[in-house]
């Protein structure tokens, strides 16, 4: 007895998402997003956790956003608690793209300070998208505990997340300028400068901030 066409199509997509050729996986993810089907949600999420190619992961995320949030969000919320760092990172990234604030309680302090930089960065981006109105100052305070962390790319991600919260971050940054750690002080100064002058560029802002810290300044404009 021949397999029904729908089952055949499903099998073909599942095989495509696992193909050794990244272009085949990309086309399979595109096909799922073009014709959403709740049967594919678990497979898309499973693949996000292990997919090595960035452009394919991005298409997997897009495909997930094409499905109803009521179907995807419960699965993604489970995934942010995964032991696999990429699973947590991609789930957070997808939640930020869906943008449904019912996911906000899942953005925990533990995720915002995750030991894995990619997970933390994804959590920062998701947090500023999902934070409920009025809770921005509290989020800014938690994000500020990560000032000075990592290399330039990670620091830029944190600065962008903080700046997305707007003027509510200023008191938190001013407090961080007095931190005992010079990396924290420099990062806080650079972030405030970028808030004031978005066109300054992070590289310039952080180097200028380091000079200010080295000279013992507080970085406040006169």
N, C-alpha and C. Protein backbone atom coordinates (compact mmCIF):
# COMPACT_ATOMS: atom_id res chain seq x y z
N UNK A 1 0.85 -1.20 0.00
CA UNK A 1 0.00 0.00 0.00
C UNK A 1 0.88 1.24 0.00
N UNK A 2 0.60 2.16 -0.92
CA UNK A 2 1.41 3.36 -1.03
C UNK A 2 1.20 4.29 0.16
N UNK A 3 2.30 4.95 0.56
CA UNK A 3 2.21 5.91 1.66
C UNK A 3 1.48 7.16 1.20
N UNK A 4 0.52 7.70 2.00
CA UNK A 4 -0.17 8.94 1.60
C UNK A 4 0.82 10.05 1.29
N UNK A 5 0.43 10.90 0.32
CA UNK A 5 1.34 11.96 -0.12
C UNK A 5 1.77 12.85 1.04
N UNK A 6 0.83 13.17 1.97
CA UNK A 6 1.15 14.05 3.08
C UNK A 6 2.26 13.44 3.94
N UNK A 7 2.15 12.13 4.19
CA UNK A 7 3.18 11.46 4.98
C UNK A 7 4.51 11.43 4.25
N UNK A 8 4.45 11.25 2.94
CA UNK A 8 5.67 11.26 2.13
C UNK A 8 6.34 12.62 2.20
N UNK A 9 5.55 13.69 2.08
CA UNK A 9 6.10 15.04 2.16
C UNK A 9 6.74 15.31 3.52
N UNK A 10 6.07 14.83 4.57
CA UNK A 10 6.60 15.03 5.92
C UNK A 10 7.94 14.32 6.08
N UNK A 11 8.00 13.10 5.62
CA UNK A 11 9.25 12.33 5.70
C UNK A 11 10.36 13.01 4.92
N UNK A 12 10.02 13.54 3.75
CA UNK A 12 11.02 14.22 2.92
C UNK A 12 11.57 15.46 3.63
N UNK A 13 10.69 16.20 4.28
CA UNK A 13 11.13 17.40 5.00
C UNK A 13 12.02 17.00 6.17
N UNK A 14 11.61 16.01 6.94
CA UNK A 14 12.41 15.55 8.07
C UNK A 14 13.80 15.12 7.61
N UNK A 15 13.85 14.39 6.52
CA UNK A 15 15.14 13.95 5.99
C UNK A 15 15.97 15.14 5.51
N UNK A 16 15.27 16.11 4.90
CA UNK A 16 15.97 17.30 4.41
C UNK A 16 16.61 18.10 5.54
N UNK A 17 15.92 18.18 6.68
CA UNK A 17 16.46 18.94 7.81
C UNK A 17 17.68 18.27 8.42
N UNK A 18 17.87 16.98 8.11
CA UNK A 18 19.02 16.25 8.65
C UNK A 18 20.07 15.95 7.59
N UNK A 19 19.88 16.45 6.39
CA UNK A 19 20.79 16.16 5.29
C UNK A 19 22.20 16.68 5.59
N UNK A 20 23.20 15.99 5.05
CA UNK A 20 24.58 16.42 5.28
C UNK A 20 24.96 17.69 4.54
N UNK A 21 24.16 18.09 3.56
CA UNK A 21 24.40 19.30 2.77
C UNK A 21 23.61 20.46 3.38
N UNK A 22 24.31 21.51 3.79
CA UNK A 22 23.63 22.63 4.46
C UNK A 22 22.62 23.32 3.55
N UNK A 23 22.86 23.31 2.23
CA UNK A 23 21.91 23.96 1.31
C UNK A 23 20.60 23.17 1.27
N UNK A 24 20.67 21.86 1.43
CA UNK A 24 19.45 21.04 1.47
C UNK A 24 18.70 21.33 2.77
N UNK A 25 19.43 21.44 3.88
CA UNK A 25 18.79 21.75 5.16
C UNK A 25 18.14 23.13 5.10
N UNK A 26 18.81 24.06 4.44
CA UNK A 26 18.27 25.41 4.31
C UNK A 26 16.95 25.40 3.54
N UNK A 27 16.92 24.67 2.43
CA UNK A 27 15.70 24.59 1.61
C UNK A 27 14.58 23.91 2.38
N UNK A 28 14.93 22.90 3.17
CA UNK A 28 13.90 22.20 3.95
C UNK A 28 13.29 23.13 4.98
N UNK A 29 14.13 23.92 5.66
CA UNK A 29 13.62 24.88 6.64
C UNK A 29 12.76 25.95 5.97
N UNK A 30 13.18 26.40 4.80
CA UNK A 30 12.40 27.38 4.04
C UNK A 30 11.04 26.80 3.67
N UNK A 31 11.02 25.54 3.27
CA UNK A 31 9.76 24.89 2.88
C UNK A 31 8.81 24.82 4.07
N UNK A 32 9.34 24.48 5.25
CA UNK A 32 8.50 24.39 6.44
C UNK A 32 7.92 25.75 6.81
N UNK A 33 8.75 26.79 6.71
CA UNK A 33 8.27 28.13 7.03
C UNK A 33 7.27 28.65 6.02
N UNK A 34 7.43 28.24 4.77
CA UNK A 34 6.52 28.68 3.71
C UNK A 34 5.14 28.04 3.86
N UNK A 35 5.14 26.79 4.29
CA UNK A 35 3.88 26.08 4.52
C UNK A 35 3.88 25.52 5.94
N UNK A 36 3.57 26.36 6.93
CA UNK A 36 3.66 25.93 8.34
C UNK A 36 2.78 24.73 8.63
N UNK A 37 3.30 23.86 9.48
CA UNK A 37 2.57 22.65 9.88
C UNK A 37 3.03 22.32 11.30
N UNK A 38 2.11 22.27 12.26
CA UNK A 38 2.50 22.04 13.66
C UNK A 38 3.28 20.75 13.88
N UNK A 39 3.16 19.79 12.94
CA UNK A 39 3.92 18.54 13.09
C UNK A 39 5.42 18.76 12.99
N UNK A 40 5.83 19.90 12.42
CA UNK A 40 7.25 20.16 12.22
C UNK A 40 7.89 20.91 13.39
N UNK A 41 7.11 21.45 14.30
CA UNK A 41 7.64 22.32 15.34
C UNK A 41 8.70 21.64 16.18
N UNK A 42 8.40 20.45 16.68
CA UNK A 42 9.37 19.74 17.52
C UNK A 42 10.68 19.48 16.76
N UNK A 43 10.56 19.12 15.50
CA UNK A 43 11.75 18.83 14.69
C UNK A 43 12.57 20.09 14.47
N UNK A 44 11.91 21.20 14.21
CA UNK A 44 12.63 22.47 14.01
C UNK A 44 13.41 22.84 15.27
N UNK A 45 12.77 22.72 16.41
CA UNK A 45 13.43 23.06 17.67
C UNK A 45 14.59 22.11 17.96
N UNK A 46 14.35 20.84 17.71
CA UNK A 46 15.40 19.83 17.89
C UNK A 46 16.61 20.16 17.01
N UNK A 47 16.34 20.58 15.79
CA UNK A 47 17.43 20.88 14.85
C UNK A 47 18.18 22.16 15.25
N UNK A 48 17.44 23.13 15.79
CA UNK A 48 18.09 24.37 16.24
C UNK A 48 19.20 24.09 17.26
N UNK A 49 19.01 23.07 18.07
CA UNK A 49 19.95 22.76 19.14
C UNK A 49 21.28 22.21 18.64
N UNK A 50 21.27 21.68 17.40
CA UNK A 50 22.48 21.01 16.91
C UNK A 50 22.97 21.53 15.57
N UNK A 51 22.19 22.38 14.89
CA UNK A 51 22.55 22.86 13.56
C UNK A 51 23.85 23.69 13.61
N UNK A 52 24.89 23.29 12.85
CA UNK A 52 26.17 23.99 12.93
C UNK A 52 26.25 25.28 12.10
N UNK A 53 25.39 25.43 11.10
CA UNK A 53 25.49 26.57 10.19
C UNK A 53 24.57 27.71 10.62
N UNK A 54 25.16 28.91 10.74
CA UNK A 54 24.39 30.07 11.20
C UNK A 54 23.20 30.36 10.30
N UNK A 55 23.42 30.37 8.98
CA UNK A 55 22.33 30.76 8.07
C UNK A 55 21.19 29.75 8.09
N UNK A 56 21.52 28.48 8.36
CA UNK A 56 20.46 27.48 8.48
C UNK A 56 19.71 27.67 9.80
N UNK A 57 20.45 27.95 10.88
CA UNK A 57 19.78 28.21 12.17
C UNK A 57 18.83 29.40 12.05
N UNK A 58 19.26 30.40 11.31
CA UNK A 58 18.41 31.58 11.14
C UNK A 58 17.12 31.22 10.39
N UNK A 59 17.23 30.35 9.41
CA UNK A 59 16.04 29.92 8.66
C UNK A 59 15.15 29.05 9.54
N UNK A 60 15.75 28.21 10.38
CA UNK A 60 14.96 27.41 11.31
C UNK A 60 14.16 28.31 12.25
N UNK A 61 14.81 29.36 12.75
CA UNK A 61 14.12 30.32 13.61
C UNK A 61 12.97 30.98 12.87
N UNK A 62 13.24 31.41 11.63
CA UNK A 62 12.18 32.04 10.82
C UNK A 62 11.01 31.07 10.64
N UNK A 63 11.32 29.82 10.36
CA UNK A 63 10.26 28.83 10.17
C UNK A 63 9.42 28.68 11.44
N UNK A 64 10.06 28.71 12.59
CA UNK A 64 9.33 28.62 13.85
C UNK A 64 8.42 29.83 14.06
N UNK A 65 8.90 31.01 13.67
CA UNK A 65 8.08 32.21 13.86
C UNK A 65 6.84 32.20 12.96
N UNK A 66 6.84 31.36 11.96
CA UNK A 66 5.70 31.28 11.04
C UNK A 66 4.58 30.42 11.61
N UNK A 67 4.86 29.71 12.69
CA UNK A 67 3.85 28.86 13.34
C UNK A 67 3.18 29.63 14.47
N UNK A 68 2.00 29.23 14.88
CA UNK A 68 1.31 29.94 15.97
C UNK A 68 2.14 29.93 17.26
N UNK A 69 2.16 31.08 17.93
CA UNK A 69 2.92 31.19 19.18
C UNK A 69 2.42 30.19 20.21
N UNK A 70 1.13 29.89 20.18
CA UNK A 70 0.57 28.95 21.15
C UNK A 70 1.17 27.55 20.99
N UNK A 71 1.68 27.27 19.80
CA UNK A 71 2.30 25.97 19.54
C UNK A 71 3.79 26.00 19.86
N UNK A 72 4.46 27.08 19.49
CA UNK A 72 5.92 27.13 19.61
C UNK A 72 6.42 27.53 20.99
N UNK A 73 5.76 28.49 21.63
CA UNK A 73 6.29 29.03 22.88
C UNK A 73 6.44 27.99 23.99
N UNK A 74 5.44 27.14 24.24
CA UNK A 74 5.63 26.14 25.30
C UNK A 74 6.85 25.26 25.08
N UNK A 75 7.11 24.89 23.82
CA UNK A 75 8.27 24.05 23.51
C UNK A 75 9.57 24.83 23.70
N UNK A 76 9.57 26.08 23.27
CA UNK A 76 10.77 26.92 23.41
C UNK A 76 11.09 27.20 24.88
N UNK A 77 10.05 27.35 25.70
CA UNK A 77 10.26 27.60 27.12
C UNK A 77 10.91 26.40 27.80
N UNK A 78 10.59 25.21 27.33
CA UNK A 78 11.27 24.03 27.84
C UNK A 78 12.73 24.01 27.40
N UNK A 79 12.95 24.47 26.18
CA UNK A 79 14.29 24.42 25.60
C UNK A 79 15.27 25.38 26.28
N UNK A 80 14.79 26.49 26.81
CA UNK A 80 15.70 27.43 27.46
C UNK A 80 16.29 26.85 28.74
N UNK A 81 15.75 25.72 29.19
CA UNK A 81 16.29 25.06 30.37
C UNK A 81 17.19 23.87 29.99
N UNK A 82 17.46 23.73 28.71
CA UNK A 82 18.28 22.62 28.24
C UNK A 82 19.71 22.70 28.78
N UNK A 83 20.35 21.56 28.90
CA UNK A 83 21.75 21.54 29.30
C UNK A 83 22.67 21.93 28.13
N UNK A 84 22.16 21.86 26.92
CA UNK A 84 22.96 22.20 25.74
C UNK A 84 22.91 23.71 25.50
N UNK A 85 24.07 24.35 25.48
CA UNK A 85 24.13 25.81 25.35
C UNK A 85 23.48 26.30 24.07
N UNK A 86 23.73 25.64 22.95
CA UNK A 86 23.15 26.10 21.68
C UNK A 86 21.63 26.00 21.71
N UNK A 87 21.11 25.00 22.39
CA UNK A 87 19.65 24.87 22.50
C UNK A 87 19.08 26.06 23.26
N UNK A 88 19.72 26.44 24.36
CA UNK A 88 19.25 27.60 25.13
C UNK A 88 19.35 28.88 24.31
N UNK A 89 20.49 29.04 23.65
CA UNK A 89 20.72 30.26 22.88
C UNK A 89 19.71 30.42 21.75
N UNK A 90 19.50 29.36 20.97
CA UNK A 90 18.57 29.43 19.84
C UNK A 90 17.13 29.59 20.28
N UNK A 91 16.78 28.95 21.40
CA UNK A 91 15.41 29.11 21.91
C UNK A 91 15.17 30.56 22.33
N UNK A 92 16.14 31.14 23.00
CA UNK A 92 16.02 32.54 23.42
C UNK A 92 15.95 33.47 22.20
N UNK A 93 16.80 33.18 21.21
CA UNK A 93 16.80 33.98 19.99
C UNK A 93 15.43 33.92 19.30
N UNK A 94 14.87 32.72 19.24
CA UNK A 94 13.56 32.55 18.60
C UNK A 94 12.47 33.25 19.39
N UNK A 95 12.52 33.16 20.72
CA UNK A 95 11.54 33.88 21.55
C UNK A 95 11.61 35.38 21.31
N UNK A 96 12.82 35.90 21.11
CA UNK A 96 12.95 37.34 20.86
C UNK A 96 12.35 37.72 19.52
N UNK A 97 12.43 36.81 18.55
CA UNK A 97 11.84 37.07 17.23
C UNK A 97 10.32 36.96 17.26
N UNK A 98 9.80 36.05 18.06
CA UNK A 98 8.34 35.92 18.19
C UNK A 98 7.79 37.14 18.92
N UNK A 99 8.49 37.56 19.97
CA UNK A 99 8.14 38.81 20.66
C UNK A 99 6.90 38.76 21.53
N UNK A 100 6.48 37.58 21.94
CA UNK A 100 5.29 37.44 22.79
C UNK A 100 5.71 37.52 24.26
N UNK A 101 5.15 38.49 24.98
CA UNK A 101 5.60 38.74 26.35
C UNK A 101 5.19 37.67 27.36
N UNK A 102 4.38 36.72 26.94
CA UNK A 102 4.07 35.61 27.86
C UNK A 102 5.34 34.81 28.16
N UNK A 103 6.38 34.99 27.33
CA UNK A 103 7.64 34.28 27.55
C UNK A 103 8.55 34.98 28.56
N UNK A 104 8.19 36.18 28.98
CA UNK A 104 9.05 36.97 29.86
C UNK A 104 9.49 36.24 31.13
N UNK A 105 8.59 35.52 31.85
CA UNK A 105 9.04 34.87 33.09
C UNK A 105 10.18 33.87 32.89
N UNK A 106 10.37 33.41 31.68
CA UNK A 106 11.45 32.43 31.41
C UNK A 106 12.81 33.10 31.33
N UNK A 107 12.84 34.43 31.20
CA UNK A 107 14.12 35.14 31.09
C UNK A 107 14.65 35.39 32.50
N UNK A 108 15.28 34.39 33.04
CA UNK A 108 15.72 34.42 34.43
C UNK A 108 17.07 35.10 34.59
N UNK A 109 17.38 35.46 35.83
CA UNK A 109 18.70 36.01 36.13
C UNK A 109 19.80 35.01 35.74
N UNK A 110 19.51 33.72 35.93
CA UNK A 110 20.49 32.70 35.58
C UNK A 110 20.82 32.73 34.09
N UNK A 111 19.80 32.93 33.24
CA UNK A 111 20.05 33.02 31.80
C UNK A 111 20.77 34.32 31.44
N UNK A 112 20.40 35.40 32.11
CA UNK A 112 21.02 36.70 31.82
C UNK A 112 22.49 36.73 32.24
N UNK A 113 22.88 35.80 33.09
CA UNK A 113 24.28 35.72 33.51
C UNK A 113 24.87 34.35 33.16
N UNK A 114 24.29 33.68 32.16
CA UNK A 114 24.74 32.35 31.77
C UNK A 114 26.24 32.34 31.48
N UNK A 115 26.89 31.26 31.87
CA UNK A 115 28.34 31.16 31.68
C UNK A 115 28.74 31.16 30.21
N UNK A 116 27.84 30.74 29.34
CA UNK A 116 28.11 30.73 27.90
C UNK A 116 27.76 32.10 27.32
N UNK A 117 28.73 32.72 26.67
CA UNK A 117 28.51 34.09 26.15
C UNK A 117 27.37 34.16 25.15
N UNK A 118 27.26 33.15 24.27
CA UNK A 118 26.19 33.19 23.26
C UNK A 118 24.82 33.09 23.91
N UNK A 119 24.71 32.27 24.94
CA UNK A 119 23.43 32.16 25.65
C UNK A 119 23.10 33.48 26.33
N UNK A 120 24.08 34.05 27.02
CA UNK A 120 23.85 35.32 27.71
C UNK A 120 23.45 36.41 26.73
N UNK A 121 24.14 36.48 25.60
CA UNK A 121 23.82 37.52 24.61
C UNK A 121 22.41 37.35 24.07
N UNK A 122 22.02 36.10 23.81
CA UNK A 122 20.66 35.84 23.35
C UNK A 122 19.64 36.22 24.41
N UNK A 123 19.99 35.95 25.67
CA UNK A 123 19.08 36.30 26.77
C UNK A 123 18.95 37.81 26.90
N UNK A 124 20.04 38.54 26.72
CA UNK A 124 19.97 40.01 26.81
C UNK A 124 19.05 40.56 25.72
N UNK A 125 19.23 40.06 24.49
CA UNK A 125 18.40 40.54 23.38
C UNK A 125 16.93 40.20 23.61
N UNK A 126 16.68 38.98 24.07
CA UNK A 126 15.29 38.58 24.33
C UNK A 126 14.68 39.42 25.44
N UNK A 127 15.46 39.69 26.47
CA UNK A 127 14.95 40.43 27.64
C UNK A 127 14.45 41.82 27.25
N UNK A 128 15.21 42.53 26.44
CA UNK A 128 14.82 43.90 26.12
C UNK A 128 13.60 43.94 25.19
N UNK A 129 13.37 42.84 24.46
CA UNK A 129 12.17 42.75 23.62
C UNK A 129 10.94 42.41 24.46
N UNK A 130 11.13 41.53 25.44
CA UNK A 130 9.99 40.95 26.17
C UNK A 130 9.67 41.64 27.48
N UNK A 131 10.56 42.48 27.99
CA UNK A 131 10.35 43.09 29.31
C UNK A 131 9.02 43.86 29.37
N UNK A 132 8.21 43.60 30.38
CA UNK A 132 6.94 44.34 30.52
C UNK A 132 7.19 45.80 30.83
N UNK A 133 6.27 46.63 30.40
CA UNK A 133 6.38 48.07 30.65
C UNK A 133 6.46 48.32 32.16
N UNK A 134 7.41 49.14 32.56
CA UNK A 134 7.59 49.47 33.96
C UNK A 134 8.67 48.66 34.67
N UNK A 135 9.09 47.55 34.05
CA UNK A 135 10.11 46.71 34.67
C UNK A 135 11.51 46.93 34.08
N UNK A 136 11.63 47.96 33.23
CA UNK A 136 12.91 48.23 32.59
C UNK A 136 14.03 48.56 33.59
N UNK A 137 13.75 49.38 34.63
CA UNK A 137 14.84 49.68 35.58
C UNK A 137 15.39 48.44 36.27
N UNK A 138 14.50 47.52 36.64
CA UNK A 138 14.96 46.28 37.28
C UNK A 138 15.80 45.46 36.32
N UNK A 139 15.38 45.40 35.07
CA UNK A 139 16.15 44.67 34.08
C UNK A 139 17.51 45.33 33.88
N UNK A 140 17.52 46.65 33.82
CA UNK A 140 18.80 47.37 33.66
C UNK A 140 19.76 47.04 34.79
N UNK A 141 19.24 46.94 36.00
CA UNK A 141 20.09 46.63 37.16
C UNK A 141 20.70 45.24 37.03
N UNK A 142 19.90 44.28 36.53
CA UNK A 142 20.42 42.92 36.36
C UNK A 142 21.46 42.89 35.23
N UNK A 143 21.15 43.55 34.12
CA UNK A 143 22.09 43.59 33.00
C UNK A 143 23.40 44.26 33.41
N UNK A 144 23.32 45.25 34.26
CA UNK A 144 24.53 45.97 34.68
C UNK A 144 25.50 45.08 35.44
N UNK A 145 25.00 43.98 36.01
CA UNK A 145 25.91 43.06 36.71
C UNK A 145 26.84 42.36 35.72
N UNK A 146 26.55 42.47 34.42
CA UNK A 146 27.38 41.83 33.39
C UNK A 146 28.35 42.82 32.73
N UNK A 147 28.34 44.06 33.16
CA UNK A 147 29.27 45.04 32.59
C UNK A 147 30.71 44.59 32.79
N UNK A 148 31.51 44.77 31.76
CA UNK A 148 32.91 44.37 31.82
C UNK A 148 33.16 42.94 31.41
N UNK A 149 32.10 42.22 31.12
CA UNK A 149 32.22 40.80 30.79
C UNK A 149 32.71 40.58 29.36
N UNK A 150 33.60 39.62 29.20
CA UNK A 150 33.94 39.11 27.87
C UNK A 150 34.76 40.04 26.99
N UNK A 151 34.81 39.66 25.73
CA UNK A 151 35.55 40.44 24.74
C UNK A 151 34.64 41.50 24.13
N UNK A 152 35.18 42.24 23.18
CA UNK A 152 34.48 43.41 22.65
C UNK A 152 33.10 43.08 22.09
N UNK A 153 32.98 41.95 21.37
CA UNK A 153 31.69 41.60 20.75
C UNK A 153 30.62 41.38 21.82
N UNK A 154 31.00 40.71 22.89
CA UNK A 154 30.06 40.47 23.99
C UNK A 154 29.70 41.78 24.68
N UNK A 155 30.70 42.62 24.90
CA UNK A 155 30.44 43.91 25.55
C UNK A 155 29.54 44.79 24.69
N UNK A 156 29.74 44.76 23.39
CA UNK A 156 28.89 45.54 22.49
C UNK A 156 27.44 45.05 22.55
N UNK A 157 27.26 43.73 22.61
CA UNK A 157 25.90 43.17 22.72
C UNK A 157 25.20 43.68 23.97
N UNK A 158 25.94 43.70 25.09
CA UNK A 158 25.35 44.16 26.34
C UNK A 158 25.02 45.65 26.26
N UNK A 159 25.93 46.43 25.69
CA UNK A 159 25.67 47.87 25.55
C UNK A 159 24.44 48.12 24.72
N UNK A 160 24.30 47.39 23.62
CA UNK A 160 23.12 47.56 22.76
C UNK A 160 21.84 47.21 23.50
N UNK A 161 21.90 46.14 24.29
CA UNK A 161 20.72 45.73 25.05
C UNK A 161 20.34 46.82 26.06
N UNK A 162 21.33 47.33 26.77
CA UNK A 162 21.06 48.38 27.75
C UNK A 162 20.50 49.64 27.07
N UNK A 163 21.12 50.04 25.98
CA UNK A 163 20.70 51.25 25.27
C UNK A 163 19.27 51.10 24.76
N UNK A 164 18.87 49.89 24.39
CA UNK A 164 17.50 49.66 23.92
C UNK A 164 16.47 49.96 24.99
N UNK A 165 16.90 49.94 26.26
CA UNK A 165 15.97 50.26 27.36
C UNK A 165 15.77 51.76 27.53
N UNK A 166 16.67 52.56 26.93
CA UNK A 166 16.50 54.01 26.98
C UNK A 166 17.09 54.67 28.23
N UNK A 167 16.57 55.84 28.56
CA UNK A 167 17.12 56.69 29.63
C UNK A 167 17.07 56.05 31.01
N UNK A 168 16.24 55.01 31.18
CA UNK A 168 16.15 54.38 32.51
C UNK A 168 17.48 53.77 32.94
N UNK A 169 18.40 53.57 31.98
CA UNK A 169 19.67 52.93 32.33
C UNK A 169 20.67 53.90 32.94
N UNK A 170 20.43 55.21 32.83
CA UNK A 170 21.44 56.18 33.24
C UNK A 170 21.83 56.06 34.72
N UNK A 171 20.87 56.01 35.66
CA UNK A 171 21.28 55.87 37.07
C UNK A 171 22.11 54.62 37.32
N UNK A 172 21.76 53.53 36.66
CA UNK A 172 22.50 52.28 36.82
C UNK A 172 23.91 52.42 36.28
N UNK A 173 24.05 53.07 35.13
CA UNK A 173 25.39 53.28 34.56
C UNK A 173 26.22 54.21 35.44
N UNK A 174 25.60 55.24 35.96
CA UNK A 174 26.33 56.17 36.82
C UNK A 174 26.85 55.46 38.07
N UNK A 175 26.05 54.52 38.59
CA UNK A 175 26.50 53.75 39.75
C UNK A 175 27.68 52.85 39.38
N UNK A 176 27.61 52.27 38.18
CA UNK A 176 28.66 51.35 37.74
C UNK A 176 29.99 52.06 37.49
N UNK A 177 29.93 53.36 37.23
CA UNK A 177 31.15 54.14 36.99
C UNK A 177 32.04 54.19 38.23
N UNK A 178 31.46 53.91 39.40
CA UNK A 178 32.25 53.92 40.64
C UNK A 178 32.69 52.51 41.05
N UNK A 179 32.44 51.51 40.19
CA UNK A 179 32.81 50.13 40.52
C UNK A 179 34.32 50.00 40.69
N UNK A 180 34.74 49.06 41.51
CA UNK A 180 36.16 48.86 41.75
C UNK A 180 36.88 48.26 40.54
N UNK A 181 36.14 47.56 39.68
CA UNK A 181 36.73 46.92 38.51
C UNK A 181 36.85 47.92 37.36
N UNK A 182 38.06 48.18 36.87
CA UNK A 182 38.21 49.16 35.78
C UNK A 182 37.51 48.75 34.50
N UNK A 183 37.36 47.44 34.25
CA UNK A 183 36.64 46.99 33.05
C UNK A 183 35.17 47.36 33.15
N UNK A 184 34.61 47.23 34.34
CA UNK A 184 33.21 47.61 34.55
C UNK A 184 33.04 49.11 34.35
N UNK A 185 33.95 49.88 34.94
CA UNK A 185 33.86 51.35 34.82
C UNK A 185 33.95 51.79 33.36
N UNK A 186 34.91 51.21 32.63
CA UNK A 186 35.09 51.59 31.22
C UNK A 186 33.86 51.20 30.39
N UNK A 187 33.31 50.03 30.63
CA UNK A 187 32.15 49.58 29.88
C UNK A 187 30.94 50.46 30.17
N UNK A 188 30.77 50.85 31.41
CA UNK A 188 29.65 51.73 31.78
C UNK A 188 29.78 53.09 31.11
N UNK A 189 30.98 53.65 31.13
CA UNK A 189 31.23 54.95 30.50
C UNK A 189 30.96 54.86 29.00
N UNK A 190 31.48 53.81 28.36
CA UNK A 190 31.30 53.64 26.91
C UNK A 190 29.83 53.50 26.55
N UNK A 191 29.09 52.77 27.38
CA UNK A 191 27.67 52.56 27.10
C UNK A 191 26.89 53.87 27.20
N UNK A 192 27.21 54.67 28.22
CA UNK A 192 26.51 55.96 28.32
C UNK A 192 26.87 56.87 27.16
N UNK A 193 28.11 56.83 26.72
CA UNK A 193 28.50 57.65 25.56
C UNK A 193 27.73 57.22 24.31
N UNK A 194 27.58 55.93 24.14
CA UNK A 194 26.82 55.46 22.98
C UNK A 194 25.34 55.82 23.09
N UNK A 195 24.82 55.84 24.30
CA UNK A 195 23.43 56.26 24.50
C UNK A 195 23.27 57.71 24.04
N UNK A 196 24.24 58.54 24.37
CA UNK A 196 24.20 59.97 24.01
C UNK A 196 24.52 60.20 22.53
N UNK A 197 25.44 59.40 22.00
CA UNK A 197 25.89 59.59 20.62
C UNK A 197 25.99 58.23 19.93
N UNK A 198 24.86 57.72 19.41
CA UNK A 198 24.85 56.39 18.79
C UNK A 198 25.80 56.24 17.62
N UNK A 199 26.19 57.35 17.01
CA UNK A 199 27.07 57.28 15.85
C UNK A 199 28.54 57.23 16.23
N UNK A 200 28.85 57.29 17.51
CA UNK A 200 30.25 57.35 17.94
C UNK A 200 31.01 56.07 17.60
N UNK A 201 30.33 54.93 17.63
CA UNK A 201 31.01 53.66 17.38
C UNK A 201 31.54 53.08 18.68
N UNK A 202 31.30 51.79 18.89
CA UNK A 202 31.67 51.18 20.17
C UNK A 202 33.18 51.15 20.37
N UNK A 203 33.91 50.86 19.30
CA UNK A 203 35.37 50.79 19.42
C UNK A 203 35.94 52.09 19.95
N UNK A 204 35.50 53.19 19.36
CA UNK A 204 35.98 54.50 19.81
C UNK A 204 35.54 54.77 21.25
N UNK A 205 34.27 54.47 21.54
CA UNK A 205 33.73 54.76 22.86
C UNK A 205 34.45 53.98 23.95
N UNK A 206 34.74 52.71 23.70
CA UNK A 206 35.38 51.90 24.75
C UNK A 206 36.83 52.31 24.94
N UNK A 207 37.53 52.65 23.87
CA UNK A 207 38.93 53.08 24.01
C UNK A 207 38.99 54.42 24.75
N UNK A 208 38.09 55.31 24.43
CA UNK A 208 38.03 56.60 25.13
C UNK A 208 37.70 56.38 26.60
N UNK A 209 36.77 55.47 26.86
CA UNK A 209 36.40 55.16 28.25
C UNK A 209 37.57 54.58 29.02
N UNK A 210 38.35 53.72 28.38
CA UNK A 210 39.53 53.15 29.05
C UNK A 210 40.53 54.24 29.42
N UNK A 211 40.68 55.22 28.54
CA UNK A 211 41.61 56.33 28.85
C UNK A 211 41.10 57.13 30.04
N UNK A 212 39.80 57.36 30.07
CA UNK A 212 39.21 58.11 31.18
C UNK A 212 39.43 57.37 32.50
N UNK A 213 39.20 56.06 32.48
CA UNK A 213 39.40 55.24 33.68
C UNK A 213 40.87 55.28 34.11
N UNK A 214 41.77 55.15 33.13
CA UNK A 214 43.20 55.14 33.44
C UNK A 214 43.65 56.46 34.07
N UNK A 215 42.97 57.54 33.65
CA UNK A 215 43.32 58.86 34.19
C UNK A 215 42.58 59.16 35.48
N UNK A 216 41.72 58.22 35.90
CA UNK A 216 41.01 58.43 37.16
C UNK A 216 39.74 59.23 37.06
N UNK A 217 39.25 59.46 35.83
CA UNK A 217 38.04 60.25 35.66
C UNK A 217 36.79 59.41 35.82
N UNK A 218 35.68 60.08 36.02
CA UNK A 218 34.41 59.38 36.21
C UNK A 218 33.60 59.28 34.93
N UNK A 219 34.07 59.95 33.87
CA UNK A 219 33.38 59.84 32.61
C UNK A 219 32.15 60.69 32.46
N UNK A 220 31.88 61.60 33.41
CA UNK A 220 30.70 62.45 33.30
C UNK A 220 31.03 63.66 32.45
N UNK A 221 30.11 64.00 31.63
CA UNK A 221 30.32 65.15 30.74
C UNK A 221 30.20 66.44 31.52
N UNK A 222 31.00 67.37 31.15
CA UNK A 222 30.93 68.64 31.82
C UNK A 222 29.91 69.56 31.20
